[in-house]
Amino acid sequence: MPQTKHPQNAPHILGSLTLPSLAPRAANAHKGDFGHVLVVGGDLGTGGAVLLSAEAALRCGAGLVSVATRPEHLAAGLARLPEAMWLGASSANQLMAALERATVLVVGPGLGQAAWGRSLLSAVANARQPQVWDADALNLLARTPLALPSGSILTPHPGEAARLLGISTEAVQADRPGAARKLARRYASVCVLKGAGTLVADPTGQLALCGRGHPAMAGAGLGDVLTGVLAALLAQGLQAWSAACLGVWLHACAGERLGVKGRGLAASDLVPVIRALLEEHSACQV
């Protein structure tokens, strides 16, 4: 007689009626109430990645947003996003003061795997704030295992998940729920396994599936936007599981809403739509 699967094996389907919400803001609220996101990354040639993450964090309600990147990117960053605080960091030592001020850290967008990126990642890894790890931070993590702080989120695509688990991408895709759960357990963090049918897993085995999205989302930079959204939700007080579930759903629904226009969806197109969806779901003031 076949063994009955434990209910834990079945993923929870993300939907607007069951998602967590951000609380409305008090009339006397100020920026210090809603966290300080620090985005670390953007090696030479990939400065746009940190810009996308920072803009998404700002537009999703983080009280303060800082960006630590290559000094060469400061002028462009300030011109595009003057609301963020821009720090030119040539070494990990120049990152320390910014790390102390932040409440949530993002590391990985455009970070690269050369000496500069490795140096900055080592400084972030030693900080104790909740963190969102993406892109090359995950590739470096696969090469040098590190312990992530409590309340952190990993956001691998299947190739990054494969490197973290030491298996093939095909093996990850053949058992996406198993891969997501293994990563969550291994790193004691919430794992967002991206791709068609994005999965969210936590170290206890809890699993959620997002059935929203659109093929037009297959493009560069959309993961950087998701990373910023997740950081903003953490900064405003959601725990990692809740932030991941809500952020993934907002990101996918924004892509779905824009995807009806067809090919050519740019990552930055998502940001104002995600902002509108977040307000529909969690009104700033009631």
C-alpha atoms as a PDB file:
ATOM      1  CA  MET A   1       0.000   0.000   0.000  1.00  0.00           C
ATOM      2  CA  PRO A   2       1.549   3.372  -1.005  1.00  0.00           C
ATOM      3  CA  GLN A   3       2.577   5.629   1.856  1.00  0.00           C
ATOM      4  CA  THR A   4       0.431   8.710   2.366  1.00  0.00           C
ATOM      5  CA  LYS A   5       2.424  11.922   2.048  1.00  0.00           C
ATOM      6  CA  HIS A   6       2.613  14.196   5.051  1.00  0.00           C
ATOM      7  CA  PRO A   7       0.595  17.413   4.542  1.00  0.00           C
ATOM      8  CA  GLN A   8       3.847  19.342   4.943  1.00  0.00           C
ATOM      9  CA  ASN A   9       4.872  18.082   1.486  1.00  0.00           C
ATOM     10  CA  ALA A  10       2.085  20.026  -0.196  1.00  0.00           C
ATOM     11  CA  PRO A  11       2.963  23.672  -0.895  1.00  0.00           C
ATOM     12  CA  HIS A  12       0.693  26.485   0.185  1.00  0.00           C
ATOM     13  CA  ILE A  13      -0.489  28.473  -2.843  1.00  0.00           C
ATOM     14  CA  LEU A  14       0.135  32.194  -2.471  1.00  0.00           C
ATOM     15  CA  GLY A  15      -2.972  34.323  -2.902  1.00  0.00           C
ATOM     16  CA  SER A  16      -4.025  37.855  -2.041  1.00  0.00           C
ATOM     17  CA  LEU A  17      -6.485  36.758   0.645  1.00  0.00           C
ATOM     18  CA  THR A  18      -3.962  34.712   2.632  1.00  0.00           C
ATOM     19  CA  LEU A  19      -0.842  36.857   2.289  1.00  0.00           C
ATOM     20  CA  PRO A  20       0.572  38.839   5.208  1.00  0.00           C
ATOM     21  CA  SER A  21       0.070  42.589   5.204  1.00  0.00           C
ATOM     22  CA  LEU A  22       1.984  45.629   6.318  1.00  0.00           C
ATOM     23  CA  ALA A  23       0.219  47.582   9.046  1.00  0.00           C
ATOM     24  CA  PRO A  24      -1.123  51.050   8.196  1.00  0.00           C
ATOM     25  CA  ARG A  25       1.169  53.899   9.183  1.00  0.00           C
ATOM     26  CA  ALA A  26       0.432  56.175  12.103  1.00  0.00           C
ATOM     27  CA  ALA A  27      -0.244  59.825  11.359  1.00  0.00           C
ATOM     28  CA  ASN A  28       2.961  60.835  13.176  1.00  0.00           C
ATOM     29  CA  ALA A  29       5.174  58.224  11.471  1.00  0.00           C
ATOM     30  CA  HIS A  30       8.697  59.205  10.393  1.00  0.00           C
ATOM     31  CA  LYS A  31      11.385  57.642   8.224  1.00  0.00           C
ATOM     32  CA  GLY A  32      13.183  56.094  11.173  1.00  0.00           C
ATOM     33  CA  ASP A  33      10.174  53.868  11.816  1.00  0.00           C
ATOM     34  CA  PHE A  34      10.569  51.943   8.571  1.00  0.00           C
ATOM     35  CA  GLY A  35      14.111  50.683   8.541  1.00  0.00           C
ATOM     36  CA  HIS A  36      17.335  51.451   6.714  1.00  0.00           C
ATOM     37  CA  VAL A  37      18.225  49.218   3.766  1.00  0.00           C
ATOM     38  CA  LEU A  38      21.854  49.050   2.656  1.00  0.00           C
ATOM     39  CA  VAL A  39      22.441  47.595  -0.820  1.00  0.00           C
ATOM     40  CA  VAL A  40      25.981  46.316  -1.434  1.00  0.00           C
ATOM     41  CA  GLY A  41      27.220  45.468  -4.919  1.00  0.00           C
ATOM     42  CA  GLY A  42      27.668  46.860  -8.397  1.00  0.00           C
ATOM     43  CA  ASP A  43      31.173  46.045  -9.567  1.00  0.00           C
ATOM     44  CA  LEU A  44      32.490  47.772 -12.678  1.00  0.00           C
ATOM     45  CA  GLY A  45      30.056  47.225 -15.524  1.00  0.00           C
ATOM     46  CA  THR A  46      27.148  46.126 -13.355  1.00  0.00           C
ATOM     47  CA  GLY A  47      26.232  49.256 -11.423  1.00  0.00           C
ATOM     48  CA  GLY A  48      22.643  49.103 -12.653  1.00  0.00           C
ATOM     49  CA  ALA A  49      21.929  46.067 -10.500  1.00  0.00           C
ATOM     50  CA  VAL A  50      22.294  47.924  -7.193  1.00  0.00           C
ATOM     51  CA  LEU A  51      20.318  50.832  -8.609  1.00  0.00           C
ATOM     52  CA  LEU A  52      17.381  48.560  -9.407  1.00  0.00           C
ATOM     53  CA  SER A  53      17.446  47.006  -5.925  1.00  0.00           C
ATOM     54  CA  ALA A  54      17.703  50.388  -4.221  1.00  0.00           C
ATOM     55  CA  GLU A  55      14.867  51.891  -6.261  1.00  0.00           C
ATOM     56  CA  ALA A  56      12.620  48.917  -5.495  1.00  0.00           C
ATOM     57  CA  ALA A  57      13.404  49.172  -1.773  1.00  0.00           C
ATOM     58  CA  LEU A  58      12.635  52.886  -1.763  1.00  0.00           C
ATOM     59  CA  ARG A  59       9.376  52.525  -3.693  1.00  0.00           C
ATOM     60  CA  CYS A  60       8.188  49.692  -1.451  1.00  0.00           C
ATOM     61  CA  GLY A  61       8.433  51.807   1.660  1.00  0.00           C
ATOM     62  CA  ALA A  62      11.856  51.472   3.273  1.00  0.00           C
ATOM     63  CA  GLY A  63      12.424  54.558   5.409  1.00  0.00           C
ATOM     64  CA  LEU A  64      16.040  55.004   4.345  1.00  0.00           C
ATOM     65  CA  VAL A  65      18.057  53.433   1.522  1.00  0.00           C
ATOM     66  CA  SER A  66      21.833  53.473   1.130  1.00  0.00           C
ATOM     67  CA  VAL A  67      23.962  52.004  -1.643  1.00  0.00           C
ATOM     68  CA  ALA A  68      27.590  50.928  -1.293  1.00  0.00           C
ATOM     69  CA  THR A  69      29.164  50.439  -4.707  1.00  0.00           C
ATOM     70  CA  ARG A  70      32.176  51.259  -6.828  1.00  0.00           C
ATOM     71  CA  PRO A  71      33.104  54.970  -6.606  1.00  0.00           C
ATOM     72  CA  GLU A  72      32.795  55.143 -10.400  1.00  0.00           C
ATOM     73  CA  HIS A  73      29.028  54.641 -10.117  1.00  0.00           C
ATOM     74  CA  LEU A  74      28.227  57.439  -7.680  1.00  0.00           C
ATOM     75  CA  ALA A  75      27.485  60.201 -10.182  1.00  0.00           C
ATOM     76  CA  ALA A  76      25.096  58.058 -12.214  1.00  0.00           C
ATOM     77  CA  GLY A  77      23.420  56.717  -9.085  1.00  0.00           C
ATOM     78  CA  LEU A  78      22.841  60.160  -7.602  1.00  0.00           C
ATOM     79  CA  ALA A  79      21.456  61.414 -10.894  1.00  0.00           C
ATOM     80  CA  ARG A  80      18.982  58.539 -11.194  1.00  0.00           C
ATOM     81  CA  LEU A  81      18.066  58.051  -7.514  1.00  0.00           C
ATOM     82  CA  PRO A  82      18.903  61.127  -5.407  1.00  0.00           C
ATOM     83  CA  GLU A  83      16.702  59.871  -2.562  1.00  0.00           C
ATOM     84  CA  ALA A  84      19.259  57.166  -1.753  1.00  0.00           C
ATOM     85  CA  MET A  85      22.545  57.753   0.063  1.00  0.00           C
ATOM     86  CA  TRP A  86      25.450  56.683  -2.168  1.00  0.00           C
ATOM     87  CA  LEU A  87      28.759  55.466  -0.772  1.00  0.00           C
ATOM     88  CA  GLY A  88      31.829  54.752  -2.851  1.00  0.00           C
ATOM     89  CA  ALA A  89      33.496  51.676  -1.354  1.00  0.00           C
ATOM     90  CA  SER A  90      36.856  50.521  -2.662  1.00  0.00           C
ATOM     91  CA  SER A  91      37.387  48.094   0.229  1.00  0.00           C
ATOM     92  CA  ALA A  92      35.544  46.428   3.091  1.00  0.00           C
ATOM     93  CA  ASN A  93      36.944  48.944   5.584  1.00  0.00           C
ATOM     94  CA  GLN A  94      34.978  51.723   3.912  1.00  0.00           C
ATOM     95  CA  LEU A  95      31.790  49.729   4.423  1.00  0.00           C
ATOM     96  CA  MET A  96      31.904  49.438   8.207  1.00  0.00           C
ATOM     97  CA  ALA A  97      30.186  52.684   9.206  1.00  0.00           C
ATOM     98  CA  ALA A  98      27.365  52.081   6.729  1.00  0.00           C
ATOM     99  CA  LEU A  99      26.877  48.545   8.055  1.00  0.00           C
ATOM    100  CA  GLU A 100      26.427  49.875  11.585  1.00  0.00           C
ATOM    101  CA  ARG A 101      23.657  52.258  10.510  1.00  0.00           C
ATOM    102  CA  ALA A 102      21.645  49.775   8.451  1.00  0.00           C
ATOM    103  CA  THR A 103      18.843  47.544   9.735  1.00  0.00           C
ATOM    104  CA  VAL A 104      18.582  45.292   6.653  1.00  0.00           C
ATOM    105  CA  LEU A 105      21.354  44.372   4.221  1.00  0.00           C
ATOM    106  CA  VAL A 106      21.203  43.393   0.548  1.00  0.00           C
ATOM    107  CA  VAL A 107      24.299  41.812  -0.956  1.00  0.00           C
ATOM    108  CA  GLY A 108      24.932  40.360  -4.385  1.00  0.00           C
ATOM    109  CA  PRO A 109      23.398  42.463  -7.177  1.00  0.00           C
ATOM    110  CA  GLY A 110      26.254  43.134  -9.575  1.00  0.00           C
ATOM    111  CA  LEU A 111      28.767  42.154  -6.886  1.00  0.00           C
ATOM    112  CA  GLY A 112      31.003  40.041  -9.102  1.00  0.00           C
ATOM    113  CA  GLN A 113      33.298  37.280  -7.879  1.00  0.00           C
ATOM    114  CA  ALA A 114      36.616  39.126  -7.997  1.00  0.00           C
ATOM    115  CA  ALA A 115      38.594  40.425  -5.010  1.00  0.00           C
ATOM    116  CA  TRP A 116      36.453  43.557  -4.578  1.00  0.00           C
ATOM    117  CA  GLY A 117      33.209  41.599  -4.309  1.00  0.00           C
ATOM    118  CA  ARG A 118      34.711  38.959  -2.044  1.00  0.00           C
ATOM    119  CA  SER A 119      36.005  41.642   0.322  1.00  0.00           C
ATOM    120  CA  LEU A 120      32.647  43.392   0.630  1.00  0.00           C
ATOM    121  CA  LEU A 121      30.811  40.096   1.056  1.00  0.00           C
ATOM    122  CA  SER A 122      33.063  39.098   3.949  1.00  0.00           C
ATOM    123  CA  ALA A 123      32.169  42.309   5.765  1.00  0.00           C
ATOM    124  CA  VAL A 124      28.440  41.831   5.205  1.00  0.00           C
ATOM    125  CA  ALA A 125      28.575  38.179   6.272  1.00  0.00           C
ATOM    126  CA  ASN A 126      29.980  39.203   9.662  1.00  0.00           C
ATOM    127  CA  ALA A 127      27.139  41.665  10.309  1.00  0.00           C
ATOM    128  CA  ARG A 128      24.170  40.524  12.370  1.00  0.00           C
ATOM    129  CA  GLN A 129      21.286  42.283  10.621  1.00  0.00           C
ATOM    130  CA  PRO A 130      18.763  40.324   8.525  1.00  0.00           C
ATOM    131  CA  GLN A 131      20.078  40.018   4.988  1.00  0.00           C
ATOM    132  CA  VAL A 132      18.905  39.291   1.452  1.00  0.00           C
ATOM    133  CA  TRP A 133      21.489  37.414  -0.626  1.00  0.00           C
ATOM    134  CA  ASP A 134      21.269  37.308  -4.406  1.00  0.00           C
ATOM    135  CA  ALA A 135      23.317  36.772  -7.560  1.00  0.00           C
ATOM    136  CA  ASP A 136      27.092  36.618  -7.060  1.00  0.00           C
ATOM    137  CA  ALA A 137      26.750  36.589  -3.271  1.00  0.00           C
ATOM    138  CA  LEU A 138      25.193  33.155  -3.763  1.00  0.00           C
ATOM    139  CA  ASN A 139      27.913  32.048  -6.156  1.00  0.00           C
ATOM    140  CA  LEU A 140      30.564  33.091  -3.633  1.00  0.00           C
ATOM    141  CA  LEU A 141      28.613  31.362  -0.866  1.00  0.00           C
ATOM    142  CA  ALA A 142      28.756  28.135  -2.892  1.00  0.00           C
ATOM    143  CA  ARG A 143      32.558  28.414  -2.965  1.00  0.00           C
ATOM    144  CA  THR A 144      33.061  29.491   0.661  1.00  0.00           C
ATOM    145  CA  PRO A 145      30.341  28.349   3.082  1.00  0.00           C
ATOM    146  CA  LEU A 146      29.287  31.046   5.535  1.00  0.00           C
ATOM    147  CA  ALA A 147      26.659  31.249   8.270  1.00  0.00           C
ATOM    148  CA  LEU A 148      23.901  33.730   7.520  1.00  0.00           C
ATOM    149  CA  PRO A 149      22.321  35.828  10.289  1.00  0.00           C
ATOM    150  CA  SER A 150      18.920  34.876  11.630  1.00  0.00           C
ATOM    151  CA  GLY A 151      15.993  36.154   9.583  1.00  0.00           C
ATOM    152  CA  SER A 152      17.820  36.183   6.247  1.00  0.00           C
ATOM    153  CA  ILE A 153      16.559  35.319   2.749  1.00  0.00           C
ATOM    154  CA  LEU A 154      18.352  33.593  -0.140  1.00  0.00           C
ATOM    155  CA  THR A 155      17.035  34.213  -3.669  1.00  0.00           C
ATOM    156  CA  PRO A 156      18.707  31.739  -6.070  1.00  0.00           C
ATOM    157  CA  HIS A 157      17.686  30.958  -9.606  1.00  0.00           C
ATOM    158  CA  PRO A 158      18.039  27.267 -10.526  1.00  0.00           C
ATOM    159  CA  GLY A 159      21.673  27.584 -11.631  1.00  0.00           C
ATOM    160  CA  GLU A 160      22.685  29.276  -8.379  1.00  0.00           C
ATOM    161  CA  ALA A 161      20.695  26.725  -6.387  1.00  0.00           C
ATOM    162  CA  ALA A 162      22.554  23.943  -8.190  1.00  0.00           C
ATOM    163  CA  ARG A 163      25.932  25.433  -7.272  1.00  0.00           C
ATOM    164  CA  LEU A 164      24.882  25.857  -3.643  1.00  0.00           C
ATOM    165  CA  LEU A 165      23.743  22.225  -3.460  1.00  0.00           C
ATOM    166  CA  GLY A 166      26.565  20.757  -5.536  1.00  0.00           C
ATOM    167  CA  ILE A 167      24.193  19.199  -8.069  1.00  0.00           C
ATOM    168  CA  SER A 168      23.140  19.910 -11.645  1.00  0.00           C
ATOM    169  CA  THR A 169      20.605  22.514 -12.680  1.00  0.00           C
ATOM    170  CA  GLU A 170      18.567  19.684 -14.195  1.00  0.00           C
ATOM    171  CA  ALA A 171      18.445  17.962 -10.802  1.00  0.00           C
ATOM    172  CA  VAL A 172      17.191  21.166  -9.174  1.00  0.00           C
ATOM    173  CA  GLN A 173      14.464  21.552 -11.778  1.00  0.00           C
ATOM    174  CA  ALA A 174      13.461  17.892 -11.438  1.00  0.00           C
ATOM    175  CA  ASP A 175      12.698  18.416  -7.727  1.00  0.00           C
ATOM    176  CA  ARG A 176      12.268  22.119  -7.094  1.00  0.00           C
ATOM    177  CA  PRO A 177      10.430  21.664  -3.753  1.00  0.00           C
ATOM    178  CA  GLY A 178      13.187  19.380  -2.476  1.00  0.00           C
ATOM    179  CA  ALA A 179      15.915  21.780  -3.587  1.00  0.00           C
ATOM    180  CA  ALA A 180      14.236  24.783  -1.959  1.00  0.00           C
ATOM    181  CA  ARG A 181      13.763  22.933   1.327  1.00  0.00           C
ATOM    182  CA  LYS A 182      17.354  21.652   1.346  1.00  0.00           C
ATOM    183  CA  LEU A 183      18.712  25.154   0.846  1.00  0.00           C
ATOM    184  CA  ALA A 184      16.496  26.577   3.583  1.00  0.00           C
ATOM    185  CA  ARG A 185      17.686  23.907   6.011  1.00  0.00           C
ATOM    186  CA  ARG A 186      21.334  24.111   5.014  1.00  0.00           C
ATOM    187  CA  TYR A 187      21.557  27.875   5.503  1.00  0.00           C
ATOM    188  CA  ALA A 188      18.927  28.230   8.252  1.00  0.00           C
ATOM    189  CA  SER A 189      17.252  30.900   6.136  1.00  0.00           C
ATOM    190  CA  VAL A 190      14.181  31.385   4.001  1.00  0.00           C
ATOM    191  CA  CYS A 191      14.875  30.336   0.412  1.00  0.00           C
ATOM    192  CA  VAL A 192      13.157  31.859  -2.620  1.00  0.00           C
ATOM    193  CA  LEU A 193      13.796  29.507  -5.543  1.00  0.00           C
ATOM    194  CA  LYS A 194      13.066  31.646  -8.565  1.00  0.00           C
ATOM    195  CA  GLY A 195      11.700  30.555 -11.930  1.00  0.00           C
ATOM    196  CA  ALA A 196       8.315  29.588 -13.338  1.00  0.00           C
ATOM    197  CA  GLY A 197       6.394  28.654 -10.193  1.00  0.00           C
ATOM    198  CA  THR A 198       8.656  30.405  -7.690  1.00  0.00           C
ATOM    199  CA  LEU A 199       8.877  28.543  -4.380  1.00  0.00           C
ATOM    200  CA  VAL A 200       9.396  29.887  -0.876  1.00  0.00           C
ATOM    201  CA  ALA A 201      10.757  27.475   1.749  1.00  0.00           C
ATOM    202  CA  ASP A 202      11.786  27.857   5.367  1.00  0.00           C
ATOM    203  CA  PRO A 203      14.059  25.690   7.538  1.00  0.00           C
ATOM    204  CA  THR A 204      11.101  23.855   9.106  1.00  0.00           C
ATOM    205  CA  GLY A 205       9.992  22.525   5.704  1.00  0.00           C
ATOM    206  CA  GLN A 206       7.155  24.998   5.198  1.00  0.00           C
ATOM    207  CA  LEU A 207       6.656  25.597   1.466  1.00  0.00           C
ATOM    208  CA  ALA A 208       4.694  28.109  -0.600  1.00  0.00           C
ATOM    209  CA  LEU A 209       4.160  28.218  -4.365  1.00  0.00           C
ATOM    210  CA  CYS A 210       3.533  31.309  -6.482  1.00  0.00           C
ATOM    211  CA  GLY A 211       1.516  30.485  -9.554  1.00  0.00           C
ATOM    212  CA  ARG A 212       1.498  34.039 -10.910  1.00  0.00           C
ATOM    213  CA  GLY A 213       3.873  35.644 -13.415  1.00  0.00           C
ATOM    214  CA  HIS A 214       4.399  35.891 -17.157  1.00  0.00           C
ATOM    215  CA  PRO A 215       6.994  34.704 -19.721  1.00  0.00           C
ATOM    216  CA  ALA A 216       7.766  38.358 -20.497  1.00  0.00           C
ATOM    217  CA  MET A 217       9.572  38.412 -17.143  1.00  0.00           C
ATOM    218  CA  ALA A 218      12.429  36.370 -18.612  1.00  0.00           C
ATOM    219  CA  GLY A 219      14.949  39.202 -18.716  1.00  0.00           C
ATOM    220  CA  ALA A 220      17.846  40.845 -16.923  1.00  0.00           C
ATOM    221  CA  GLY A 221      17.425  42.766 -13.701  1.00  0.00           C
ATOM    222  CA  LEU A 222      14.072  41.447 -12.513  1.00  0.00           C
ATOM    223  CA  GLY A 223      15.754  39.508  -9.718  1.00  0.00           C
ATOM    224  CA  ASP A 224      17.472  42.701  -8.548  1.00  0.00           C
ATOM    225  CA  VAL A 225      14.057  44.325  -8.243  1.00  0.00           C
ATOM    226  CA  LEU A 226      12.721  41.391  -6.224  1.00  0.00           C
ATOM    227  CA  THR A 227      15.696  41.633  -3.881  1.00  0.00           C
ATOM    228  CA  GLY A 228      14.913  45.280  -3.153  1.00  0.00           C
ATOM    229  CA  VAL A 229      11.249  44.516  -2.544  1.00  0.00           C
ATOM    230  CA  LEU A 230      12.124  41.799  -0.029  1.00  0.00           C
ATOM    231  CA  ALA A 231      14.533  44.103   1.794  1.00  0.00           C
ATOM    232  CA  ALA A 232      11.930  46.847   2.077  1.00  0.00           C
ATOM    233  CA  LEU A 233       9.387  44.454   3.575  1.00  0.00           C
ATOM    234  CA  LEU A 234      11.947  43.206   6.111  1.00  0.00           C
ATOM    235  CA  ALA A 235      12.847  46.801   6.965  1.00  0.00           C
ATOM    236  CA  GLN A 236       9.186  47.556   7.715  1.00  0.00           C
ATOM    237  CA  GLY A 237       8.903  44.752  10.222  1.00  0.00           C
ATOM    238  CA  LEU A 238       7.816  41.608   8.390  1.00  0.00           C
ATOM    239  CA  GLN A 239       9.602  38.395   9.310  1.00  0.00           C
ATOM    240  CA  ALA A 240      11.569  36.612   6.594  1.00  0.00           C
ATOM    241  CA  TRP A 241       8.852  34.094   5.683  1.00  0.00           C
ATOM    242  CA  SER A 242       6.124  36.723   5.454  1.00  0.00           C
ATOM    243  CA  ALA A 243       8.349  39.160   3.553  1.00  0.00           C
ATOM    244  CA  ALA A 244       9.333  36.468   1.068  1.00  0.00           C
ATOM    245  CA  CYS A 245       5.763  35.334   0.415  1.00  0.00           C
ATOM    246  CA  LEU A 246       4.402  38.846  -0.012  1.00  0.00           C
ATOM    247  CA  GLY A 247       7.372  40.076  -2.034  1.00  0.00           C
ATOM    248  CA  VAL A 248       7.329  37.147  -4.436  1.00  0.00           C
ATOM    249  CA  TRP A 249       3.596  37.552  -5.014  1.00  0.00           C
ATOM    250  CA  LEU A 250       3.847  41.322  -5.626  1.00  0.00           C
ATOM    251  CA  HIS A 251       6.732  40.851  -8.045  1.00  0.00           C
ATOM    252  CA  ALA A 252       4.975  38.080  -9.995  1.00  0.00           C
ATOM    253  CA  CYS A 253       1.659  39.926 -10.176  1.00  0.00           C
ATOM    254  CA  ALA A 254       3.391  43.070 -11.425  1.00  0.00           C
ATOM    255  CA  GLY A 255       5.063  41.049 -14.160  1.00  0.00           C
ATOM    256  CA  GLU A 256       1.747  39.456 -15.044  1.00  0.00           C
ATOM    257  CA  ARG A 257       0.032  42.836 -15.258  1.00  0.00           C
ATOM    258  CA  LEU A 258       2.768  44.227 -17.517  1.00  0.00           C
ATOM    259  CA  GLY A 259       3.308  41.030 -19.466  1.00  0.00           C
ATOM    260  CA  VAL A 260       0.092  41.479 -21.428  1.00  0.00           C
ATOM    261  CA  LYS A 261       1.986  44.129 -23.427  1.00  0.00           C
ATOM    262  CA  GLY A 262       4.314  41.402 -24.675  1.00  0.00           C
ATOM    263  CA  ARG A 263       8.065  41.217 -25.080  1.00  0.00           C
ATOM    264  CA  GLY A 264      10.484  43.935 -24.031  1.00  0.00           C
ATOM    265  CA  LEU A 265       9.582  44.177 -20.343  1.00  0.00           C
ATOM    266  CA  ALA A 266      12.350  46.095 -18.554  1.00  0.00           C
ATOM    267  CA  ALA A 267      13.045  45.416 -14.891  1.00  0.00           C
ATOM    268  CA  SER A 268      12.508  49.057 -13.935  1.00  0.00           C
ATOM    269  CA  ASP A 269       8.998  48.883 -15.458  1.00  0.00           C
ATOM    270  CA  LEU A 270       7.981  46.675 -12.540  1.00  0.00           C
ATOM    271  CA  VAL A 271       8.768  49.122  -9.761  1.00  0.00           C
ATOM    272  CA  PRO A 272       5.789  51.531 -10.028  1.00  0.00           C
ATOM    273  CA  VAL A 273       3.413  48.610 -10.585  1.00  0.00           C
ATOM    274  CA  ILE A 274       4.716  46.791  -7.500  1.00  0.00           C
ATOM    275  CA  ARG A 275       4.222  49.998  -5.528  1.00  0.00           C
ATOM    276  CA  ALA A 276       0.602  50.229  -6.693  1.00  0.00           C
ATOM    277  CA  LEU A 277      -0.056  46.564  -5.910  1.00  0.00           C
ATOM    278  CA  LEU A 278       1.425  46.941  -2.429  1.00  0.00           C
ATOM    279  CA  GLU A 279      -0.888  49.879  -1.744  1.00  0.00           C
ATOM    280  CA  GLU A 280      -3.880  47.857  -2.981  1.00  0.00           C
ATOM    281  CA  HIS A 281      -2.919  45.027  -0.660  1.00  0.00           C
ATOM    282  CA  SER A 282      -1.649  47.006   2.363  1.00  0.00           C
ATOM    283  CA  ALA A 283      -2.945  50.567   2.391  1.00  0.00           C
ATOM    284  CA  CYS A 284      -0.503  53.086   3.853  1.00  0.00           C
ATOM    285  CA  GLN A 285      -3.304  54.914   5.651  1.00  0.00           C
ATOM    286  CA  VAL A 286      -6.852  53.803   6.448  1.00  0.00           C
END
